[in-house]
Amino acid sequence: PYAGDMGGGFHPIRRDADFLAAGEAPIRPLLADLAFTRGQASWGMIFRRGSFAVSEADFLTIARAMGVADKVVAAG
């Protein structure tokens, strides 16, 4: 992470990311499998927060649905 300079004294923290070529993954088939949506009638509310922590298990579930599970590396 590093501080970016947006001017006017604003220095947001940034992190570089490499993106994978991945397929789309509809959310509905994953709702019961993801800890952050399981059992939530209003499952979309968590996305309104902006950013939130996703467990490694949930991350891999999403990666499998997008067809890139074999290309991601575990957190270390």
N, C-alpha and C. Protein backbone atom coordinates (compact mmCIF):
# COMPACT_ATOMS: atom_id res chain seq x y z
N PRO A 1 0.83 -1.20 0.00
CA PRO A 1 0.00 0.00 0.00
C PRO A 1 0.87 1.26 0.00
N TYR A 2 0.34 2.29 -0.61
CA TYR A 2 1.06 3.55 -0.66
C TYR A 2 0.03 4.68 -0.74
N ALA A 3 0.47 5.87 -0.37
CA ALA A 3 -0.42 7.03 -0.41
C ALA A 3 -0.34 7.68 -1.79
N GLY A 4 -1.49 7.88 -2.40
CA GLY A 4 -1.57 8.59 -3.67
C GLY A 4 -1.78 10.07 -3.40
N ASP A 5 -1.38 10.91 -4.31
CA ASP A 5 -1.56 12.36 -4.15
C ASP A 5 -2.66 12.82 -5.09
N MET A 6 -3.82 13.14 -4.53
CA MET A 6 -4.95 13.59 -5.33
C MET A 6 -5.03 15.12 -5.37
N GLY A 7 -4.11 15.79 -4.70
CA GLY A 7 -4.13 17.24 -4.65
C GLY A 7 -4.96 17.74 -3.49
N GLY A 8 -4.76 18.96 -3.13
CA GLY A 8 -5.53 19.56 -2.05
C GLY A 8 -5.30 18.90 -0.70
N GLY A 9 -4.16 18.24 -0.54
CA GLY A 9 -3.87 17.58 0.74
C GLY A 9 -4.51 16.23 0.91
N PHE A 10 -5.19 15.73 -0.12
CA PHE A 10 -5.87 14.43 -0.04
C PHE A 10 -4.92 13.34 -0.53
N HIS A 11 -4.60 12.39 0.34
CA HIS A 11 -3.65 11.30 0.04
C HIS A 11 -4.28 9.95 0.39
N PRO A 12 -5.16 9.42 -0.46
CA PRO A 12 -5.78 8.12 -0.16
C PRO A 12 -4.76 6.99 -0.23
N ILE A 13 -4.99 5.97 0.56
CA ILE A 13 -4.12 4.79 0.54
C ILE A 13 -4.53 3.93 -0.65
N ARG A 14 -3.55 3.49 -1.41
CA ARG A 14 -3.80 2.68 -2.60
C ARG A 14 -3.03 1.38 -2.53
N ARG A 15 -3.47 0.44 -3.32
CA ARG A 15 -2.79 -0.85 -3.43
C ARG A 15 -2.84 -1.26 -4.89
N ASP A 16 -1.70 -1.66 -5.44
CA ASP A 16 -1.66 -2.13 -6.82
C ASP A 16 -2.33 -3.50 -6.90
N ALA A 17 -2.96 -3.78 -8.02
CA ALA A 17 -3.64 -5.06 -8.21
C ALA A 17 -3.42 -5.54 -9.64
N ASP A 18 -3.29 -6.83 -9.78
CA ASP A 18 -3.23 -7.47 -11.09
C ASP A 18 -4.56 -8.17 -11.31
N PHE A 19 -5.22 -7.91 -12.41
CA PHE A 19 -6.52 -8.50 -12.69
C PHE A 19 -6.38 -9.70 -13.61
N LEU A 20 -7.20 -10.71 -13.37
CA LEU A 20 -7.21 -11.92 -14.19
C LEU A 20 -8.33 -11.84 -15.21
N ALA A 21 -8.14 -12.46 -16.35
CA ALA A 21 -9.23 -12.60 -17.32
C ALA A 21 -10.17 -13.65 -16.75
N ALA A 22 -11.35 -13.23 -16.34
CA ALA A 22 -12.29 -14.13 -15.66
C ALA A 22 -13.67 -14.01 -16.28
N GLY A 23 -14.48 -15.03 -16.08
CA GLY A 23 -15.85 -15.01 -16.56
C GLY A 23 -16.77 -14.36 -15.54
N GLU A 24 -17.94 -13.97 -15.99
CA GLU A 24 -18.94 -13.42 -15.08
C GLU A 24 -19.48 -14.55 -14.21
N ALA A 25 -19.85 -14.20 -12.98
CA ALA A 25 -20.42 -15.18 -12.06
C ALA A 25 -21.69 -14.59 -11.44
N PRO A 26 -22.85 -15.07 -11.82
CA PRO A 26 -24.09 -14.58 -11.21
C PRO A 26 -24.06 -14.82 -9.70
N ILE A 27 -24.57 -13.87 -8.93
CA ILE A 27 -24.52 -13.96 -7.47
C ILE A 27 -25.54 -14.95 -6.90
N ARG A 28 -26.72 -15.02 -7.48
CA ARG A 28 -27.78 -15.85 -6.88
C ARG A 28 -27.37 -17.29 -6.59
N PRO A 29 -26.69 -18.00 -7.51
CA PRO A 29 -26.29 -19.37 -7.19
C PRO A 29 -25.27 -19.46 -6.05
N LEU A 30 -24.63 -18.36 -5.71
CA LEU A 30 -23.60 -18.37 -4.67
C LEU A 30 -24.11 -17.95 -3.30
N LEU A 31 -25.29 -17.36 -3.22
CA LEU A 31 -25.77 -16.76 -1.98
C LEU A 31 -25.72 -17.69 -0.78
N ALA A 32 -26.13 -18.95 -0.94
CA ALA A 32 -26.15 -19.89 0.19
C ALA A 32 -24.75 -20.35 0.58
N ASP A 33 -23.78 -20.18 -0.31
CA ASP A 33 -22.42 -20.66 -0.05
C ASP A 33 -21.49 -19.60 0.54
N LEU A 34 -21.84 -18.34 0.41
CA LEU A 34 -20.97 -17.26 0.88
C LEU A 34 -21.33 -16.86 2.31
N ALA A 35 -20.35 -16.82 3.19
CA ALA A 35 -20.60 -16.47 4.59
C ALA A 35 -21.21 -15.08 4.74
N PHE A 36 -20.82 -14.14 3.87
CA PHE A 36 -21.31 -12.77 4.02
C PHE A 36 -22.72 -12.56 3.45
N THR A 37 -23.30 -13.58 2.80
CA THR A 37 -24.68 -13.47 2.30
C THR A 37 -25.59 -14.56 2.85
N ARG A 38 -25.03 -15.63 3.37
CA ARG A 38 -25.81 -16.79 3.82
C ARG A 38 -26.85 -16.37 4.87
N GLY A 39 -28.10 -16.72 4.62
CA GLY A 39 -29.17 -16.46 5.57
C GLY A 39 -29.62 -15.01 5.64
N GLN A 40 -29.13 -14.18 4.76
CA GLN A 40 -29.49 -12.76 4.78
C GLN A 40 -30.60 -12.49 3.77
N ALA A 41 -31.75 -12.08 4.26
CA ALA A 41 -32.85 -11.74 3.35
C ALA A 41 -32.46 -10.54 2.47
N SER A 42 -31.79 -9.58 3.07
CA SER A 42 -31.34 -8.38 2.34
C SER A 42 -29.85 -8.51 2.05
N TRP A 43 -29.49 -9.55 1.32
CA TRP A 43 -28.08 -9.87 1.09
C TRP A 43 -27.32 -8.76 0.36
N GLY A 44 -27.98 -7.93 -0.40
CA GLY A 44 -27.30 -6.88 -1.15
C GLY A 44 -26.83 -5.71 -0.30
N MET A 45 -27.33 -5.60 0.92
CA MET A 45 -26.97 -4.46 1.77
C MET A 45 -25.47 -4.40 2.07
N ILE A 46 -24.82 -5.53 2.20
CA ILE A 46 -23.39 -5.51 2.52
C ILE A 46 -22.58 -4.81 1.42
N PHE A 47 -23.05 -4.90 0.19
CA PHE A 47 -22.33 -4.26 -0.92
C PHE A 47 -22.46 -2.74 -0.89
N ARG A 48 -23.44 -2.22 -0.19
CA ARG A 48 -23.62 -0.78 -0.10
C ARG A 48 -22.59 -0.13 0.80
N ARG A 49 -21.92 -0.93 1.63
CA ARG A 49 -20.89 -0.41 2.53
C ARG A 49 -19.66 0.07 1.78
N GLY A 50 -19.47 -0.41 0.60
CA GLY A 50 -18.25 -0.07 -0.14
C GLY A 50 -17.29 -1.24 -0.09
N SER A 51 -16.41 -1.26 0.87
CA SER A 51 -15.48 -2.38 0.98
C SER A 51 -15.70 -3.12 2.30
N PHE A 52 -15.46 -4.41 2.27
CA PHE A 52 -15.60 -5.24 3.46
C PHE A 52 -14.70 -6.45 3.30
N ALA A 53 -14.37 -7.09 4.41
CA ALA A 53 -13.48 -8.25 4.37
C ALA A 53 -14.22 -9.47 3.83
N VAL A 54 -13.55 -10.21 2.97
CA VAL A 54 -14.09 -11.46 2.41
C VAL A 54 -13.16 -12.57 2.86
N SER A 55 -13.73 -13.62 3.44
CA SER A 55 -12.90 -14.73 3.91
C SER A 55 -12.23 -15.43 2.73
N GLU A 56 -11.16 -16.16 3.02
CA GLU A 56 -10.47 -16.89 1.97
C GLU A 56 -11.39 -17.92 1.33
N ALA A 57 -12.23 -18.57 2.16
CA ALA A 57 -13.18 -19.57 1.63
C ALA A 57 -14.16 -18.92 0.66
N ASP A 58 -14.70 -17.76 1.02
CA ASP A 58 -15.63 -17.06 0.13
C ASP A 58 -14.91 -16.59 -1.14
N PHE A 59 -13.69 -16.10 -0.98
CA PHE A 59 -12.91 -15.65 -2.13
C PHE A 59 -12.72 -16.79 -3.13
N LEU A 60 -12.39 -17.98 -2.62
CA LEU A 60 -12.19 -19.13 -3.50
C LEU A 60 -13.50 -19.60 -4.13
N THR A 61 -14.61 -19.49 -3.41
CA THR A 61 -15.92 -19.84 -3.97
C THR A 61 -16.22 -18.94 -5.17
N ILE A 62 -15.98 -17.65 -5.01
CA ILE A 62 -16.21 -16.70 -6.10
C ILE A 62 -15.24 -16.96 -7.25
N ALA A 63 -13.98 -17.21 -6.92
CA ALA A 63 -12.97 -17.49 -7.95
C ALA A 63 -13.34 -18.73 -8.76
N ARG A 64 -13.83 -19.77 -8.08
CA ARG A 64 -14.27 -20.98 -8.80
C ARG A 64 -15.41 -20.66 -9.76
N ALA A 65 -16.37 -19.87 -9.29
CA ALA A 65 -17.52 -19.51 -10.13
C ALA A 65 -17.09 -18.68 -11.34
N MET A 66 -16.00 -17.93 -11.19
CA MET A 66 -15.49 -17.10 -12.28
C MET A 66 -14.48 -17.84 -13.15
N GLY A 67 -14.17 -19.08 -12.77
CA GLY A 67 -13.26 -19.89 -13.57
C GLY A 67 -11.79 -19.56 -13.41
N VAL A 68 -11.42 -18.97 -12.27
CA VAL A 68 -10.01 -18.60 -12.08
C VAL A 68 -9.42 -19.14 -10.77
N ALA A 69 -10.08 -20.10 -10.15
CA ALA A 69 -9.60 -20.62 -8.86
C ALA A 69 -8.19 -21.18 -8.96
N ASP A 70 -7.84 -21.72 -10.11
CA ASP A 70 -6.50 -22.29 -10.28
C ASP A 70 -5.42 -21.22 -10.47
N LYS A 71 -5.84 -19.96 -10.60
CA LYS A 71 -4.88 -18.88 -10.85
C LYS A 71 -4.67 -17.96 -9.66
N VAL A 72 -5.47 -18.11 -8.61
CA VAL A 72 -5.34 -17.23 -7.44
C VAL A 72 -4.38 -17.86 -6.44
N VAL A 73 -3.75 -17.01 -5.65
CA VAL A 73 -2.83 -17.50 -4.62
C VAL A 73 -3.43 -17.25 -3.25
N ALA A 74 -3.18 -18.16 -2.35
CA ALA A 74 -3.71 -18.04 -0.99
C ALA A 74 -3.04 -16.86 -0.28
N ALA A 75 -3.79 -16.26 0.63
CA ALA A 75 -3.24 -15.17 1.44
C ALA A 75 -2.13 -15.73 2.31
N GLY A 76 -1.12 -14.98 2.50
CA GLY A 76 -0.01 -15.51 3.27
C GLY A 76 0.57 -14.49 4.09
